[in-house]
């Protein structure tokens, strides 16, 4: 009879330690996930700051340099000066191979003369 209370106390202590251990372990997992997310956000912040710096440099160049405006218009808007000749180089696309022997050969939209 004297051993029963001692056993109950020991079982209660083990249960309490198990619960405490699971709580602490969950806390460490949450902390690790939060740290990983913080690192991802820090990398995104660095990328965005770099992009902002590039855009600010571009804006400053566009405000102060007419050649930059012309360059941007040619690049982004595909502008050309009057009298300039635009040359468009097209490369033919080879006919894709049939996927399997049982399927018919695909018909190309445009076929170049041979």
C-alpha atoms as a PDB file:
ATOM      1  CA  UNK A   1       0.000   0.000   0.000  1.00  0.00           C
ATOM      2  CA  UNK A   2       2.846   2.407   0.664  1.00  0.00           C
ATOM      3  CA  UNK A   3       4.180   1.844  -2.849  1.00  0.00           C
ATOM      4  CA  UNK A   4       0.961   2.850  -4.656  1.00  0.00           C
ATOM      5  CA  UNK A   5       1.207   6.609  -3.927  1.00  0.00           C
ATOM      6  CA  UNK A   6       4.890   6.520  -4.911  1.00  0.00           C
ATOM      7  CA  UNK A   7       4.079   4.816  -8.214  1.00  0.00           C
ATOM      8  CA  UNK A   8       1.270   7.313  -8.900  1.00  0.00           C
ATOM      9  CA  UNK A   9       3.630  10.234  -8.257  1.00  0.00           C
ATOM     10  CA  UNK A  10       6.222   8.688 -10.577  1.00  0.00           C
ATOM     11  CA  UNK A  11       3.640   8.132 -13.354  1.00  0.00           C
ATOM     12  CA  UNK A  12       2.329  11.690 -12.971  1.00  0.00           C
ATOM     13  CA  UNK A  13       5.888  13.028 -13.145  1.00  0.00           C
ATOM     14  CA  UNK A  14       6.556  11.046 -16.339  1.00  0.00           C
ATOM     15  CA  UNK A  15       3.327  12.276 -17.920  1.00  0.00           C
ATOM     16  CA  UNK A  16       4.176  15.858 -16.970  1.00  0.00           C
ATOM     17  CA  UNK A  17       7.669  15.483 -18.455  1.00  0.00           C
ATOM     18  CA  UNK A  18       6.212  14.023 -21.678  1.00  0.00           C
ATOM     19  CA  UNK A  19       3.759  16.903 -22.056  1.00  0.00           C
ATOM     20  CA  UNK A  20       6.458  19.465 -21.315  1.00  0.00           C
ATOM     21  CA  UNK A  21       8.807  17.790 -23.800  1.00  0.00           C
ATOM     22  CA  UNK A  22       6.200  17.885 -26.587  1.00  0.00           C
ATOM     23  CA  UNK A  23       5.467  21.557 -25.880  1.00  0.00           C
ATOM     24  CA  UNK A  24       9.168  22.476 -25.975  1.00  0.00           C
ATOM     25  CA  UNK A  25       9.759  20.431 -29.145  1.00  0.00           C
ATOM     26  CA  UNK A  26       6.842  22.125 -30.884  1.00  0.00           C
ATOM     27  CA  UNK A  27       8.240  25.496 -29.837  1.00  0.00           C
ATOM     28  CA  UNK A  28      11.619  24.669 -31.400  1.00  0.00           C
ATOM     29  CA  UNK A  29       9.937  23.537 -34.638  1.00  0.00           C
ATOM     30  CA  UNK A  30       7.909  26.745 -34.795  1.00  0.00           C
ATOM     31  CA  UNK A  31      11.032  28.786 -34.146  1.00  0.00           C
ATOM     32  CA  UNK A  32      12.943  26.962 -36.943  1.00  0.00           C
ATOM     33  CA  UNK A  33      10.084  27.571 -39.401  1.00  0.00           C
ATOM     34  CA  UNK A  34       9.950  31.243 -38.429  1.00  0.00           C
ATOM     35  CA  UNK A  35      13.717  31.573 -38.938  1.00  0.00           C
ATOM     36  CA  UNK A  36      13.507  29.964 -42.391  1.00  0.00           C
ATOM     37  CA  UNK A  37      10.696  32.321 -43.344  1.00  0.00           C
ATOM     38  CA  UNK A  38      12.693  35.292 -42.019  1.00  0.00           C
ATOM     39  CA  UNK A  39      15.656  34.311 -44.195  1.00  0.00           C
ATOM     40  CA  UNK A  40      13.420  33.991 -47.271  1.00  0.00           C
ATOM     41  CA  UNK A  41      11.907  37.407 -46.586  1.00  0.00           C
ATOM     42  CA  UNK A  42      15.368  38.918 -46.076  1.00  0.00           C
ATOM     43  CA  UNK A  43      16.497  37.542 -49.461  1.00  0.00           C
ATOM     44  CA  UNK A  44      13.341  38.932 -51.102  1.00  0.00           C
ATOM     45  CA  UNK A  45      13.973  42.293 -49.432  1.00  0.00           C
ATOM     46  CA  UNK A  46      17.534  42.374 -50.821  1.00  0.00           C
ATOM     47  CA  UNK A  47      16.267  41.512 -54.306  1.00  0.00           C
ATOM     48  CA  UNK A  48      13.609  44.228 -54.167  1.00  0.00           C
ATOM     49  CA  UNK A  49      16.085  46.823 -52.869  1.00  0.00           C
ATOM     50  CA  UNK A  50      18.402  45.995 -55.771  1.00  0.00           C
ATOM     51  CA  UNK A  51      15.521  46.312 -58.224  1.00  0.00           C
ATOM     52  CA  UNK A  52      14.513  49.656 -56.691  1.00  0.00           C
ATOM     53  CA  UNK A  53      18.080  50.923 -57.040  1.00  0.00           C
ATOM     54  CA  UNK A  54      18.173  49.883 -60.705  1.00  0.00           C
ATOM     55  CA  UNK A  55      14.820  51.561 -61.383  1.00  0.00           C
ATOM     56  CA  UNK A  56      15.928  54.751 -59.618  1.00  0.00           C
ATOM     57  CA  UNK A  57      19.108  54.834 -61.735  1.00  0.00           C
ATOM     58  CA  UNK A  58      17.028  54.339 -64.885  1.00  0.00           C
ATOM     59  CA  UNK A  59      14.634  57.098 -63.855  1.00  0.00           C
ATOM     60  CA  UNK A  60      17.498  59.504 -63.153  1.00  0.00           C
ATOM     61  CA  UNK A  61      19.047  58.719 -66.542  1.00  0.00           C
ATOM     62  CA  UNK A  62      15.708  59.266 -68.297  1.00  0.00           C
ATOM     63  CA  UNK A  63      15.241  62.617 -66.541  1.00  0.00           C
ATOM     64  CA  UNK A  64      18.733  63.913 -67.336  1.00  0.00           C
ATOM     65  CA  UNK A  65      19.887  62.229 -70.543  1.00  0.00           C
ATOM     66  CA  UNK A  66      18.027  62.508 -73.882  1.00  0.00           C
ATOM     67  CA  UNK A  67      20.086  59.633 -75.286  1.00  0.00           C
ATOM     68  CA  UNK A  68      18.740  57.393 -72.519  1.00  0.00           C
ATOM     69  CA  UNK A  69      15.192  58.389 -73.484  1.00  0.00           C
ATOM     70  CA  UNK A  70      15.890  57.472 -77.115  1.00  0.00           C
ATOM     71  CA  UNK A  71      17.510  54.204 -76.079  1.00  0.00           C
ATOM     72  CA  UNK A  72      14.545  53.288 -73.874  1.00  0.00           C
ATOM     73  CA  UNK A  73      12.057  54.193 -76.638  1.00  0.00           C
ATOM     74  CA  UNK A  74      13.939  52.036 -79.133  1.00  0.00           C
ATOM     75  CA  UNK A  75      14.275  49.120 -76.727  1.00  0.00           C
ATOM     76  CA  UNK A  76      10.904  49.091 -74.954  1.00  0.00           C
ATOM     77  CA  UNK A  77       8.598  50.666 -77.534  1.00  0.00           C
ATOM     78  CA  UNK A  78      10.459  49.542 -80.679  1.00  0.00           C
ATOM     79  CA  UNK A  79      10.580  53.104 -82.026  1.00  0.00           C
ATOM     80  CA  UNK A  80      12.626  53.905 -85.146  1.00  0.00           C
ATOM     81  CA  UNK A  81      13.657  57.204 -86.646  1.00  0.00           C
ATOM     82  CA  UNK A  82      12.116  58.338 -89.928  1.00  0.00           C
ATOM     83  CA  UNK A  83      14.143  56.997 -92.799  1.00  0.00           C
ATOM     84  CA  UNK A  84      15.569  54.023 -90.878  1.00  0.00           C
ATOM     85  CA  UNK A  85      15.050  50.555 -92.328  1.00  0.00           C
ATOM     86  CA  UNK A  86      13.857  47.818 -90.006  1.00  0.00           C
ATOM     87  CA  UNK A  87      15.205  44.354 -90.754  1.00  0.00           C
ATOM     88  CA  UNK A  88      13.403  41.410 -89.170  1.00  0.00           C
ATOM     89  CA  UNK A  89      15.341  38.157 -89.279  1.00  0.00           C
ATOM     90  CA  UNK A  90      13.163  35.072 -89.093  1.00  0.00           C
ATOM     91  CA  UNK A  91      14.617  31.636 -88.541  1.00  0.00           C
ATOM     92  CA  UNK A  92      12.626  28.626 -89.738  1.00  0.00           C
ATOM     93  CA  UNK A  93      11.365  26.232 -87.129  1.00  0.00           C
ATOM     94  CA  UNK A  94      11.990  22.558 -87.909  1.00  0.00           C
ATOM     95  CA  UNK A  95       8.972  20.282 -88.158  1.00  0.00           C
ATOM     96  CA  UNK A  96       8.584  18.422 -84.849  1.00  0.00           C
ATOM     97  CA  UNK A  97       9.009  14.679 -84.905  1.00  0.00           C
ATOM     98  CA  UNK A  98       5.884  12.552 -84.452  1.00  0.00           C
ATOM     99  CA  UNK A  99       5.290  11.581 -80.833  1.00  0.00           C
ATOM    100  CA  UNK A 100       4.658   7.922 -81.637  1.00  0.00           C
ATOM    101  CA  UNK A 101       4.388   5.644 -84.637  1.00  0.00           C
ATOM    102  CA  UNK A 102       0.592   5.408 -84.373  1.00  0.00           C
ATOM    103  CA  UNK A 103      -0.057   9.160 -84.326  1.00  0.00           C
ATOM    104  CA  UNK A 104      -0.054  11.115 -87.591  1.00  0.00           C
ATOM    105  CA  UNK A 105       2.624  13.716 -88.293  1.00  0.00           C
ATOM    106  CA  UNK A 106       1.537  17.165 -87.068  1.00  0.00           C
ATOM    107  CA  UNK A 107       0.701  19.669 -89.791  1.00  0.00           C
ATOM    108  CA  UNK A 108       2.745  22.876 -89.467  1.00  0.00           C
ATOM    109  CA  UNK A 109       0.952  26.218 -89.598  1.00  0.00           C
ATOM    110  CA  UNK A 110       3.443  27.607 -92.110  1.00  0.00           C
ATOM    111  CA  UNK A 111       5.804  25.600 -94.259  1.00  0.00           C
ATOM    112  CA  UNK A 112       8.760  27.264 -95.985  1.00  0.00           C
ATOM    113  CA  UNK A 113       9.299  26.499 -99.669  1.00  0.00           C
ATOM    114  CA  UNK A 114      12.064  24.010-100.296  1.00  0.00           C
END
